[in-house]
Amino acid sequence: MGFFDFLRSPDINEGVKNFSNTEKAVLVDVRTVEEYASGHIPKSRNVPLDNIGRIASAVPDKNTPVFVYCLSGGRSSRATSLIKQMGYTNVTNIGGISAYRGKVER
């Protein structure tokens, strides 16, 4: 781990791969409902940052691995912190869909 590693953004492509390889994991898109409808990663669930308190309806078990993304990584970073504050034990910010190179659903 280098001194400036904290400045690097998460790699969403690597994050989606890790999500796919993690048993019982949940992929959460924290963008708005409209953004989600315009294109999202397959198997993701939409829990907008403004409604992050409702994460329990999408992920009832606080030990479930949760992978979080947004458009650029800013909202997912904030959401990750909030979800951890709610007692979730395995939450990962995987960055922004703007850098995603895989399939997108509409």
N, C-alpha and C. Protein backbone atom coordinates (compact mmCIF):
# COMPACT_ATOMS: atom_id res chain seq x y z
N MET A 1 0.84 -1.18 0.00
CA MET A 1 0.00 0.00 0.00
C MET A 1 0.89 1.24 0.00
N GLY A 2 0.72 2.08 -1.01
CA GLY A 2 1.52 3.28 -1.13
C GLY A 2 0.96 4.43 -0.34
N PHE A 3 1.76 5.45 -0.16
CA PHE A 3 1.39 6.62 0.62
C PHE A 3 0.17 7.34 0.05
N PHE A 4 0.04 7.41 -1.27
CA PHE A 4 -1.05 8.14 -1.90
C PHE A 4 -2.20 7.25 -2.35
N ASP A 5 -2.25 6.00 -1.91
CA ASP A 5 -3.32 5.08 -2.31
C ASP A 5 -4.71 5.60 -1.94
N PHE A 6 -4.78 6.41 -0.88
CA PHE A 6 -6.09 6.93 -0.47
C PHE A 6 -6.69 7.87 -1.52
N LEU A 7 -5.87 8.37 -2.43
CA LEU A 7 -6.35 9.26 -3.49
C LEU A 7 -6.95 8.51 -4.68
N ARG A 8 -6.66 7.23 -4.79
CA ARG A 8 -7.15 6.44 -5.92
C ARG A 8 -8.63 6.11 -5.76
N SER A 9 -9.34 6.23 -6.85
CA SER A 9 -10.75 5.86 -6.84
C SER A 9 -10.87 4.35 -6.97
N PRO A 10 -11.94 3.79 -6.40
CA PRO A 10 -12.15 2.35 -6.57
C PRO A 10 -12.37 2.01 -8.05
N ASP A 11 -11.98 0.83 -8.46
CA ASP A 11 -12.20 0.36 -9.83
C ASP A 11 -13.52 -0.40 -9.85
N ILE A 12 -14.54 0.20 -10.45
CA ILE A 12 -15.87 -0.41 -10.47
C ILE A 12 -15.88 -1.74 -11.19
N ASN A 13 -15.06 -1.89 -12.21
CA ASN A 13 -15.02 -3.16 -12.94
C ASN A 13 -14.50 -4.28 -12.05
N GLU A 14 -13.48 -3.98 -11.28
CA GLU A 14 -12.96 -4.96 -10.31
C GLU A 14 -14.00 -5.20 -9.21
N GLY A 15 -14.68 -4.13 -8.79
CA GLY A 15 -15.71 -4.26 -7.76
C GLY A 15 -16.86 -5.14 -8.19
N VAL A 16 -17.31 -5.00 -9.43
CA VAL A 16 -18.41 -5.84 -9.94
C VAL A 16 -17.95 -7.30 -10.02
N LYS A 17 -16.71 -7.51 -10.40
CA LYS A 17 -16.15 -8.86 -10.44
C LYS A 17 -16.14 -9.46 -9.03
N ASN A 18 -15.71 -8.68 -8.05
CA ASN A 18 -15.70 -9.15 -6.66
C ASN A 18 -17.11 -9.44 -6.17
N PHE A 19 -18.07 -8.57 -6.53
CA PHE A 19 -19.47 -8.80 -6.18
C PHE A 19 -19.95 -10.13 -6.74
N SER A 20 -19.66 -10.37 -8.01
CA SER A 20 -20.09 -11.61 -8.68
C SER A 20 -19.50 -12.86 -8.05
N ASN A 21 -18.31 -12.72 -7.47
CA ASN A 21 -17.63 -13.85 -6.86
C ASN A 21 -17.87 -13.99 -5.35
N THR A 22 -18.74 -13.13 -4.81
CA THR A 22 -19.02 -13.15 -3.37
C THR A 22 -20.41 -13.72 -3.12
N GLU A 23 -20.46 -14.82 -2.40
CA GLU A 23 -21.72 -15.48 -2.11
C GLU A 23 -22.66 -14.59 -1.31
N LYS A 24 -23.91 -14.54 -1.71
CA LYS A 24 -24.99 -13.79 -1.06
C LYS A 24 -24.77 -12.28 -1.02
N ALA A 25 -23.89 -11.77 -1.86
CA ALA A 25 -23.64 -10.33 -1.90
C ALA A 25 -24.79 -9.59 -2.56
N VAL A 26 -24.93 -8.30 -2.20
CA VAL A 26 -25.95 -7.43 -2.77
C VAL A 26 -25.24 -6.22 -3.38
N LEU A 27 -25.62 -5.88 -4.60
CA LEU A 27 -25.08 -4.73 -5.30
C LEU A 27 -26.10 -3.60 -5.21
N VAL A 28 -25.69 -2.46 -4.64
CA VAL A 28 -26.61 -1.35 -4.40
C VAL A 28 -26.18 -0.12 -5.20
N ASP A 29 -27.11 0.40 -5.99
CA ASP A 29 -26.93 1.62 -6.78
C ASP A 29 -27.60 2.74 -5.99
N VAL A 30 -26.83 3.76 -5.57
CA VAL A 30 -27.38 4.82 -4.74
C VAL A 30 -27.73 6.08 -5.53
N ARG A 31 -27.80 5.96 -6.86
CA ARG A 31 -28.22 7.09 -7.68
C ARG A 31 -29.74 7.28 -7.58
N THR A 32 -30.24 8.35 -8.16
CA THR A 32 -31.68 8.60 -8.13
C THR A 32 -32.43 7.52 -8.92
N VAL A 33 -33.72 7.46 -8.71
CA VAL A 33 -34.57 6.51 -9.43
C VAL A 33 -34.46 6.75 -10.93
N GLU A 34 -34.42 8.01 -11.34
CA GLU A 34 -34.33 8.36 -12.76
C GLU A 34 -32.99 7.92 -13.35
N GLU A 35 -31.91 8.15 -12.62
CA GLU A 35 -30.59 7.72 -13.09
C GLU A 35 -30.54 6.20 -13.23
N TYR A 36 -31.08 5.51 -12.23
CA TYR A 36 -31.11 4.05 -12.24
C TYR A 36 -31.87 3.54 -13.47
N ALA A 37 -33.03 4.16 -13.75
CA ALA A 37 -33.85 3.75 -14.89
C ALA A 37 -33.15 3.99 -16.22
N SER A 38 -32.25 4.96 -16.26
CA SER A 38 -31.56 5.26 -17.51
C SER A 38 -30.45 4.26 -17.84
N GLY A 39 -30.10 3.41 -16.89
CA GLY A 39 -29.10 2.37 -17.10
C GLY A 39 -28.40 2.01 -15.81
N HIS A 40 -28.41 0.72 -15.49
CA HIS A 40 -27.79 0.24 -14.25
C HIS A 40 -27.12 -1.11 -14.47
N ILE A 41 -26.27 -1.48 -13.54
CA ILE A 41 -25.57 -2.76 -13.61
C ILE A 41 -26.56 -3.88 -13.29
N PRO A 42 -26.58 -4.95 -14.11
CA PRO A 42 -27.50 -6.06 -13.85
C PRO A 42 -27.35 -6.59 -12.41
N LYS A 43 -28.47 -6.98 -11.83
CA LYS A 43 -28.58 -7.54 -10.48
C LYS A 43 -28.44 -6.49 -9.38
N SER A 44 -28.32 -5.21 -9.75
CA SER A 44 -28.22 -4.17 -8.72
C SER A 44 -29.60 -3.80 -8.21
N ARG A 45 -29.62 -3.28 -6.99
CA ARG A 45 -30.86 -2.79 -6.38
C ARG A 45 -30.70 -1.29 -6.18
N ASN A 46 -31.75 -0.55 -6.44
CA ASN A 46 -31.70 0.90 -6.31
C ASN A 46 -32.17 1.34 -4.93
N VAL A 47 -31.26 1.93 -4.17
CA VAL A 47 -31.58 2.56 -2.89
C VAL A 47 -30.92 3.95 -2.95
N PRO A 48 -31.66 4.96 -3.45
CA PRO A 48 -31.06 6.29 -3.60
C PRO A 48 -30.46 6.81 -2.29
N LEU A 49 -29.37 7.56 -2.41
CA LEU A 49 -28.69 8.10 -1.23
C LEU A 49 -29.67 8.86 -0.34
N ASP A 50 -30.60 9.60 -0.92
CA ASP A 50 -31.59 10.35 -0.13
C ASP A 50 -32.48 9.44 0.70
N ASN A 51 -32.56 8.16 0.34
CA ASN A 51 -33.39 7.18 1.06
C ASN A 51 -32.55 6.07 1.67
N ILE A 52 -31.28 6.32 1.93
CA ILE A 52 -30.37 5.26 2.37
C ILE A 52 -30.83 4.61 3.68
N GLY A 53 -31.63 5.31 4.45
CA GLY A 53 -32.17 4.73 5.67
C GLY A 53 -33.04 3.52 5.41
N ARG A 54 -33.48 3.37 4.17
CA ARG A 54 -34.33 2.22 3.79
C ARG A 54 -33.50 1.03 3.31
N ILE A 55 -32.21 1.06 3.53
CA ILE A 55 -31.33 -0.04 3.08
C ILE A 55 -31.79 -1.38 3.65
N ALA A 56 -32.37 -1.37 4.84
CA ALA A 56 -32.80 -2.61 5.48
C ALA A 56 -33.84 -3.37 4.66
N SER A 57 -34.64 -2.65 3.86
CA SER A 57 -35.62 -3.36 3.03
C SER A 57 -34.94 -4.10 1.89
N ALA A 58 -33.81 -3.59 1.39
CA ALA A 58 -33.07 -4.26 0.32
C ALA A 58 -32.07 -5.26 0.87
N VAL A 59 -31.55 -4.99 2.06
CA VAL A 59 -30.52 -5.84 2.68
C VAL A 59 -30.85 -6.00 4.17
N PRO A 60 -31.74 -6.95 4.52
CA PRO A 60 -32.14 -7.09 5.91
C PRO A 60 -31.04 -7.58 6.85
N ASP A 61 -30.15 -8.43 6.38
CA ASP A 61 -29.09 -9.00 7.22
C ASP A 61 -27.87 -8.09 7.19
N LYS A 62 -27.52 -7.54 8.33
CA LYS A 62 -26.40 -6.59 8.41
C LYS A 62 -25.03 -7.22 8.21
N ASN A 63 -24.97 -8.53 8.09
CA ASN A 63 -23.70 -9.21 7.81
C ASN A 63 -23.54 -9.54 6.32
N THR A 64 -24.55 -9.23 5.52
CA THR A 64 -24.50 -9.48 4.08
C THR A 64 -23.43 -8.59 3.44
N PRO A 65 -22.61 -9.14 2.55
CA PRO A 65 -21.67 -8.29 1.82
C PRO A 65 -22.43 -7.33 0.90
N VAL A 66 -22.17 -6.03 1.05
CA VAL A 66 -22.85 -5.01 0.28
C VAL A 66 -21.81 -4.25 -0.55
N PHE A 67 -22.05 -4.18 -1.86
CA PHE A 67 -21.18 -3.44 -2.77
C PHE A 67 -21.98 -2.25 -3.28
N VAL A 68 -21.44 -1.04 -3.13
CA VAL A 68 -22.17 0.19 -3.40
C VAL A 68 -21.53 0.97 -4.55
N TYR A 69 -22.37 1.47 -5.48
CA TYR A 69 -21.86 2.33 -6.55
C TYR A 69 -22.84 3.47 -6.82
N CYS A 70 -22.34 4.49 -7.55
CA CYS A 70 -23.16 5.62 -7.98
C CYS A 70 -22.71 6.03 -9.38
N LEU A 71 -22.70 7.31 -9.68
CA LEU A 71 -22.26 7.76 -11.00
C LEU A 71 -20.73 7.91 -11.06
N SER A 72 -20.17 8.63 -10.09
CA SER A 72 -18.73 8.90 -10.13
C SER A 72 -17.96 8.40 -8.92
N GLY A 73 -18.65 8.01 -7.86
CA GLY A 73 -17.99 7.50 -6.66
C GLY A 73 -18.21 8.35 -5.43
N GLY A 74 -18.67 9.57 -5.59
CA GLY A 74 -18.88 10.46 -4.45
C GLY A 74 -20.05 10.04 -3.57
N ARG A 75 -21.20 9.83 -4.17
CA ARG A 75 -22.37 9.41 -3.38
C ARG A 75 -22.19 8.02 -2.80
N SER A 76 -21.52 7.13 -3.55
CA SER A 76 -21.31 5.78 -3.02
C SER A 76 -20.36 5.81 -1.82
N SER A 77 -19.41 6.73 -1.81
CA SER A 77 -18.52 6.88 -0.67
C SER A 77 -19.31 7.33 0.56
N ARG A 78 -20.17 8.31 0.38
CA ARG A 78 -21.01 8.81 1.48
C ARG A 78 -21.97 7.70 1.95
N ALA A 79 -22.60 7.02 1.01
CA ALA A 79 -23.53 5.95 1.35
C ALA A 79 -22.84 4.83 2.12
N THR A 80 -21.64 4.47 1.70
CA THR A 80 -20.89 3.42 2.38
C THR A 80 -20.68 3.78 3.85
N SER A 81 -20.30 5.03 4.11
CA SER A 81 -20.12 5.49 5.49
C SER A 81 -21.42 5.41 6.28
N LEU A 82 -22.51 5.87 5.69
CA LEU A 82 -23.81 5.84 6.37
C LEU A 82 -24.28 4.42 6.66
N ILE A 83 -24.10 3.53 5.68
CA ILE A 83 -24.53 2.14 5.86
C ILE A 83 -23.72 1.48 6.98
N LYS A 84 -22.44 1.76 7.04
CA LYS A 84 -21.61 1.22 8.13
C LYS A 84 -22.07 1.77 9.48
N GLN A 85 -22.45 3.05 9.52
CA GLN A 85 -22.95 3.64 10.77
C GLN A 85 -24.24 2.97 11.24
N MET A 86 -24.99 2.38 10.29
CA MET A 86 -26.23 1.67 10.63
C MET A 86 -25.96 0.26 11.15
N GLY A 87 -24.69 -0.12 11.19
CA GLY A 87 -24.35 -1.42 11.76
C GLY A 87 -24.01 -2.51 10.76
N TYR A 88 -23.98 -2.18 9.47
CA TYR A 88 -23.61 -3.18 8.47
C TYR A 88 -22.10 -3.42 8.57
N THR A 89 -21.71 -4.68 8.48
CA THR A 89 -20.32 -5.05 8.78
C THR A 89 -19.43 -5.28 7.57
N ASN A 90 -20.03 -5.40 6.38
CA ASN A 90 -19.24 -5.75 5.19
C ASN A 90 -19.70 -4.91 4.00
N VAL A 91 -19.29 -3.64 3.97
CA VAL A 91 -19.74 -2.69 2.96
C VAL A 91 -18.54 -2.18 2.18
N THR A 92 -18.64 -2.21 0.85
CA THR A 92 -17.55 -1.79 -0.01
C THR A 92 -18.02 -0.78 -1.04
N ASN A 93 -17.36 0.35 -1.12
CA ASN A 93 -17.61 1.33 -2.18
C ASN A 93 -16.84 0.88 -3.41
N ILE A 94 -17.54 0.61 -4.50
CA ILE A 94 -16.84 0.17 -5.72
C ILE A 94 -16.74 1.28 -6.77
N GLY A 95 -17.20 2.49 -6.45
CA GLY A 95 -16.98 3.61 -7.35
C GLY A 95 -18.17 3.98 -8.20
N GLY A 96 -17.88 4.52 -9.40
CA GLY A 96 -18.91 5.07 -10.26
C GLY A 96 -19.13 4.32 -11.55
N ILE A 97 -20.39 4.23 -11.94
CA ILE A 97 -20.77 3.52 -13.17
C ILE A 97 -20.22 4.21 -14.41
N SER A 98 -19.82 5.47 -14.30
CA SER A 98 -19.29 6.17 -15.46
C SER A 98 -18.01 5.52 -16.00
N ALA A 99 -17.33 4.73 -15.16
CA ALA A 99 -16.11 4.02 -15.59
C ALA A 99 -16.37 2.54 -15.87
N TYR A 100 -17.63 2.11 -15.77
CA TYR A 100 -17.98 0.70 -15.94
C TYR A 100 -17.96 0.31 -17.42
N ARG A 101 -17.36 -0.83 -17.71
CA ARG A 101 -17.22 -1.30 -19.10
C ARG A 101 -18.09 -2.52 -19.42
N GLY A 102 -18.92 -2.94 -18.48
CA GLY A 102 -19.73 -4.13 -18.69
C GLY A 102 -21.14 -3.82 -19.20
N LYS A 103 -21.97 -4.83 -19.15
CA LYS A 103 -23.36 -4.75 -19.62
C LYS A 103 -24.17 -3.83 -18.69
N VAL A 104 -25.06 -3.04 -19.30
CA VAL A 104 -25.96 -2.17 -18.55
C VAL A 104 -27.39 -2.50 -18.93
N GLU A 105 -28.27 -2.57 -17.92
CA GLU A 105 -29.69 -2.82 -18.16
C GLU A 105 -30.47 -1.52 -18.07
N ARG A 106 -31.59 -1.46 -18.80
CA ARG A 106 -32.48 -0.30 -18.72
C ARG A 106 -33.86 -0.75 -18.35
